[in-house]
Amino acid sequence: MTSPLVFALAVLLLLAAGFVWMVRKLLSSRELAYATPEWLEGFSPATYRPMERLLAANDYRFLKSDAGYRSGMEAKLRAQRRRIFRKYLRSMTGDFNRLYNTAKLMLVHAEQDRPDLAKALIVLRLSFSATVLMAYGRLALDAAGLRATGYSVRPLIQSLEGVQGQLLAVSALPQAVDS
């Protein structure tokens, strides 16, 4: 094999391993956190709306137009914003898992079987995981200097709203009471 081919194969294997690791991490729920009524009362998917601006190009254009702009300022700002975005993603994933686990637990203990709600929860879980993976991919591309434009965090927020709605639907079901 030629050297560039070996290098490309090694990079591809590393990317595949990273992808598998990320999927396992997203889909595993080592710690099962559940939403308390107090937590639910204070929770709002709107908390994550500031993520939309973190990777937007407007601030970088403004920074470059400033008279005090120096080489390296944009790279530093981008790195800081990617770090903040990752923190938001981790927090969002935790909130999603908390809502998802609570809805799943309530569905299991409901007196009435609702396979449609169970299916909707699974679809939301898969959709959320895929969207989070794409967000991490976007961060990796940005770190490599490949600026993707038009990225929206709206699908992530919609997944949170969706699982919150499913939790409300499940909570409306009569719950089984152990006697």
Protein backbone atom coordinates (compact mmCIF):
# COMPACT_ATOMS: atom_id res chain seq x y z
CA MET A 1 0.00 0.00 0.00
CA THR A 2 1.11 3.50 -0.66
CA SER A 3 1.69 5.93 2.17
CA PRO A 4 -1.24 8.30 1.42
CA LEU A 5 -3.60 5.33 1.19
CA VAL A 6 -2.42 3.99 4.55
CA PHE A 7 -2.85 7.42 6.08
CA ALA A 8 -6.36 7.78 4.64
CA LEU A 9 -7.29 4.33 5.92
CA ALA A 10 -5.95 5.16 9.40
CA VAL A 11 -7.93 8.40 9.49
CA LEU A 12 -11.06 6.58 8.35
CA LEU A 13 -10.63 3.94 11.06
CA LEU A 14 -10.14 6.64 13.71
CA LEU A 15 -13.26 8.44 12.55
CA ALA A 16 -15.25 5.20 12.58
CA ALA A 17 -14.01 4.37 16.09
CA GLY A 18 -14.91 7.88 17.26
CA PHE A 19 -18.35 7.58 15.72
CA VAL A 20 -19.00 4.22 17.43
CA TRP A 21 -17.78 5.60 20.75
CA MET A 22 -20.01 8.67 20.41
CA VAL A 23 -23.11 6.61 19.54
CA ARG A 24 -22.54 4.29 22.49
CA LYS A 25 -22.06 7.25 24.81
CA LEU A 26 -25.21 8.98 23.59
CA LEU A 27 -27.41 5.90 23.74
CA SER A 28 -26.21 4.53 27.05
CA SER A 29 -27.80 5.78 30.21
CA ARG A 30 -25.33 4.82 32.90
CA GLU A 31 -26.91 7.08 35.42
CA LEU A 32 -30.64 7.10 35.23
CA ALA A 33 -31.74 10.57 36.16
CA TYR A 34 -35.42 11.28 36.43
CA ALA A 35 -37.31 14.54 36.34
CA THR A 36 -38.82 15.68 39.60
CA PRO A 37 -41.93 17.89 39.56
CA GLU A 38 -39.79 20.81 40.75
CA TRP A 39 -37.25 20.25 37.97
CA LEU A 40 -40.00 19.96 35.37
CA GLU A 41 -41.56 23.21 36.57
CA GLY A 42 -38.31 25.09 35.97
CA PHE A 43 -37.35 23.33 32.74
CA SER A 44 -37.70 25.03 29.39
CA PRO A 45 -36.17 24.04 26.04
CA ALA A 46 -35.82 27.79 25.38
CA THR A 47 -32.81 27.67 27.71
CA TYR A 48 -30.85 26.34 24.75
CA ARG A 49 -31.75 29.03 22.21
CA PRO A 50 -28.48 30.97 22.77
CA MET A 51 -26.69 28.01 21.14
CA GLU A 52 -27.98 29.27 17.80
CA ARG A 53 -25.71 32.30 17.85
CA LEU A 54 -22.58 30.61 19.16
CA LEU A 55 -21.48 29.27 15.77
CA ALA A 56 -23.02 32.01 13.62
CA ALA A 57 -20.69 33.86 11.25
CA ASN A 58 -21.96 37.38 12.06
CA ASP A 59 -19.79 37.92 15.12
CA TYR A 60 -16.66 36.79 13.31
CA ARG A 61 -17.30 39.24 10.45
CA PHE A 62 -17.83 42.01 12.99
CA LEU A 63 -14.64 41.05 14.82
CA LYS A 64 -12.60 41.21 11.60
CA SER A 65 -14.03 44.62 10.76
CA ASP A 66 -12.98 46.08 14.11
CA ALA A 67 -9.96 48.39 14.07
CA GLY A 68 -8.34 46.51 16.96
CA TYR A 69 -8.52 43.12 15.22
CA ARG A 70 -5.32 41.08 15.43
CA SER A 71 -4.39 37.79 13.84
CA GLY A 72 -5.47 34.88 16.00
CA MET A 73 -8.42 36.60 17.65
CA GLU A 74 -10.93 34.78 15.47
CA ALA A 75 -9.38 31.38 16.14
CA LYS A 76 -9.42 32.04 19.89
CA LEU A 77 -13.06 33.18 19.81
CA ARG A 78 -14.07 30.15 17.71
CA ALA A 79 -12.35 27.78 20.14
CA GLN A 80 -14.10 29.41 23.11
CA ARG A 81 -17.46 29.23 21.39
CA ARG A 82 -16.99 25.57 20.44
CA ARG A 83 -16.17 24.80 24.09
CA ILE A 84 -19.33 26.62 25.24
CA PHE A 85 -21.39 24.87 22.56
CA ARG A 86 -20.09 21.47 23.75
CA LYS A 87 -21.13 22.33 27.31
CA TYR A 88 -24.59 23.23 26.08
CA LEU A 89 -24.74 19.92 24.17
CA ARG A 90 -23.77 17.94 27.27
CA SER A 91 -26.36 19.76 29.35
CA MET A 92 -28.99 19.32 26.65
CA THR A 93 -28.23 15.61 26.39
CA GLY A 94 -28.59 15.29 30.16
CA ASP A 95 -31.92 17.11 30.10
CA PHE A 96 -33.14 15.00 27.18
CA ASN A 97 -32.15 11.79 29.00
CA ARG A 98 -33.87 12.95 32.18
CA LEU A 99 -37.11 13.67 30.30
CA TYR A 100 -36.81 10.47 28.24
CA ASN A 101 -36.13 8.23 31.27
CA THR A 102 -39.03 9.75 33.18
CA ALA A 103 -41.45 9.32 30.27
CA LYS A 104 -40.27 5.75 29.76
CA LEU A 105 -40.68 4.93 33.47
CA MET A 106 -44.15 6.46 33.55
CA LEU A 107 -45.10 4.55 30.40
CA VAL A 108 -44.01 1.27 31.98
CA HIS A 109 -46.10 1.95 35.08
CA ALA A 110 -49.17 3.20 33.23
CA GLU A 111 -52.35 1.15 33.58
CA GLN A 112 -53.01 1.49 29.89
CA ASP A 113 -50.66 0.22 27.16
CA ARG A 114 -49.76 2.92 24.66
CA PRO A 115 -47.46 1.46 21.98
CA ASP A 116 -47.87 4.65 19.94
CA LEU A 117 -46.26 6.70 22.74
CA ALA A 118 -43.51 4.11 23.18
CA LYS A 119 -42.78 4.25 19.46
CA ALA A 120 -42.78 8.06 19.49
CA LEU A 121 -40.26 8.03 22.35
CA ILE A 122 -37.95 5.68 20.46
CA VAL A 123 -38.16 7.82 17.33
CA LEU A 124 -37.39 10.94 19.39
CA ARG A 125 -34.40 9.20 20.99
CA LEU A 126 -32.95 8.16 17.63
CA SER A 127 -33.62 11.56 16.09
CA PHE A 128 -32.04 13.39 19.02
CA SER A 129 -28.97 11.14 18.98
CA ALA A 130 -28.48 11.64 15.24
CA THR A 131 -28.85 15.40 15.60
CA VAL A 132 -26.35 15.53 18.47
CA LEU A 133 -23.90 13.50 16.40
CA MET A 134 -24.29 15.97 13.54
CA ALA A 135 -23.67 18.84 15.96
CA TYR A 136 -20.45 17.21 17.17
CA GLY A 137 -19.49 16.64 13.55
CA ARG A 138 -20.09 20.32 12.87
CA LEU A 139 -17.81 21.20 15.78
CA ALA A 140 -15.11 18.89 14.45
CA LEU A 141 -15.35 20.44 10.99
CA ASP A 142 -15.18 23.92 12.47
CA ALA A 143 -12.11 22.97 14.53
CA ALA A 144 -10.47 21.64 11.34
CA GLY A 145 -11.08 24.98 9.65
CA LEU A 146 -13.98 23.82 7.47
CA ARG A 147 -16.72 26.32 8.18
CA ALA A 148 -20.15 24.88 7.48
CA THR A 149 -22.78 27.56 7.03
CA GLY A 150 -26.46 27.47 7.77
CA TYR A 151 -26.26 25.19 10.82
CA SER A 152 -29.34 25.29 13.02
CA VAL A 153 -29.79 23.95 16.54
CA ARG A 154 -33.55 24.08 16.04
CA PRO A 155 -33.82 20.27 15.50
CA LEU A 156 -32.14 19.73 18.88
CA ILE A 157 -34.56 22.08 20.61
CA GLN A 158 -37.49 20.45 18.78
CA SER A 159 -36.35 17.04 20.08
CA LEU A 160 -36.38 18.40 23.63
CA GLU A 161 -39.82 19.88 23.08
CA GLY A 162 -40.97 16.57 21.59
CA VAL A 163 -39.83 14.45 24.52
CA GLN A 164 -41.28 17.01 26.92
CA GLY A 165 -44.60 16.71 25.07
CA GLN A 166 -44.45 12.91 25.22
CA LEU A 167 -43.78 13.12 28.96
CA LEU A 168 -46.88 15.27 29.35
CA ALA A 169 -48.89 12.78 27.27
CA VAL A 170 -47.65 9.86 29.37
CA SER A 171 -48.32 11.72 32.61
CA ALA A 172 -51.96 12.13 31.53
CA LEU A 173 -52.34 8.33 31.47
CA PRO A 174 -53.72 6.59 34.57
CA GLN A 175 -50.78 5.19 36.51
CA ALA A 176 -50.68 1.74 38.08
CA VAL A 177 -50.61 1.83 41.85
CA ASP A 178 -48.82 -0.89 43.76
CA SER A 179 -50.91 -2.10 46.67
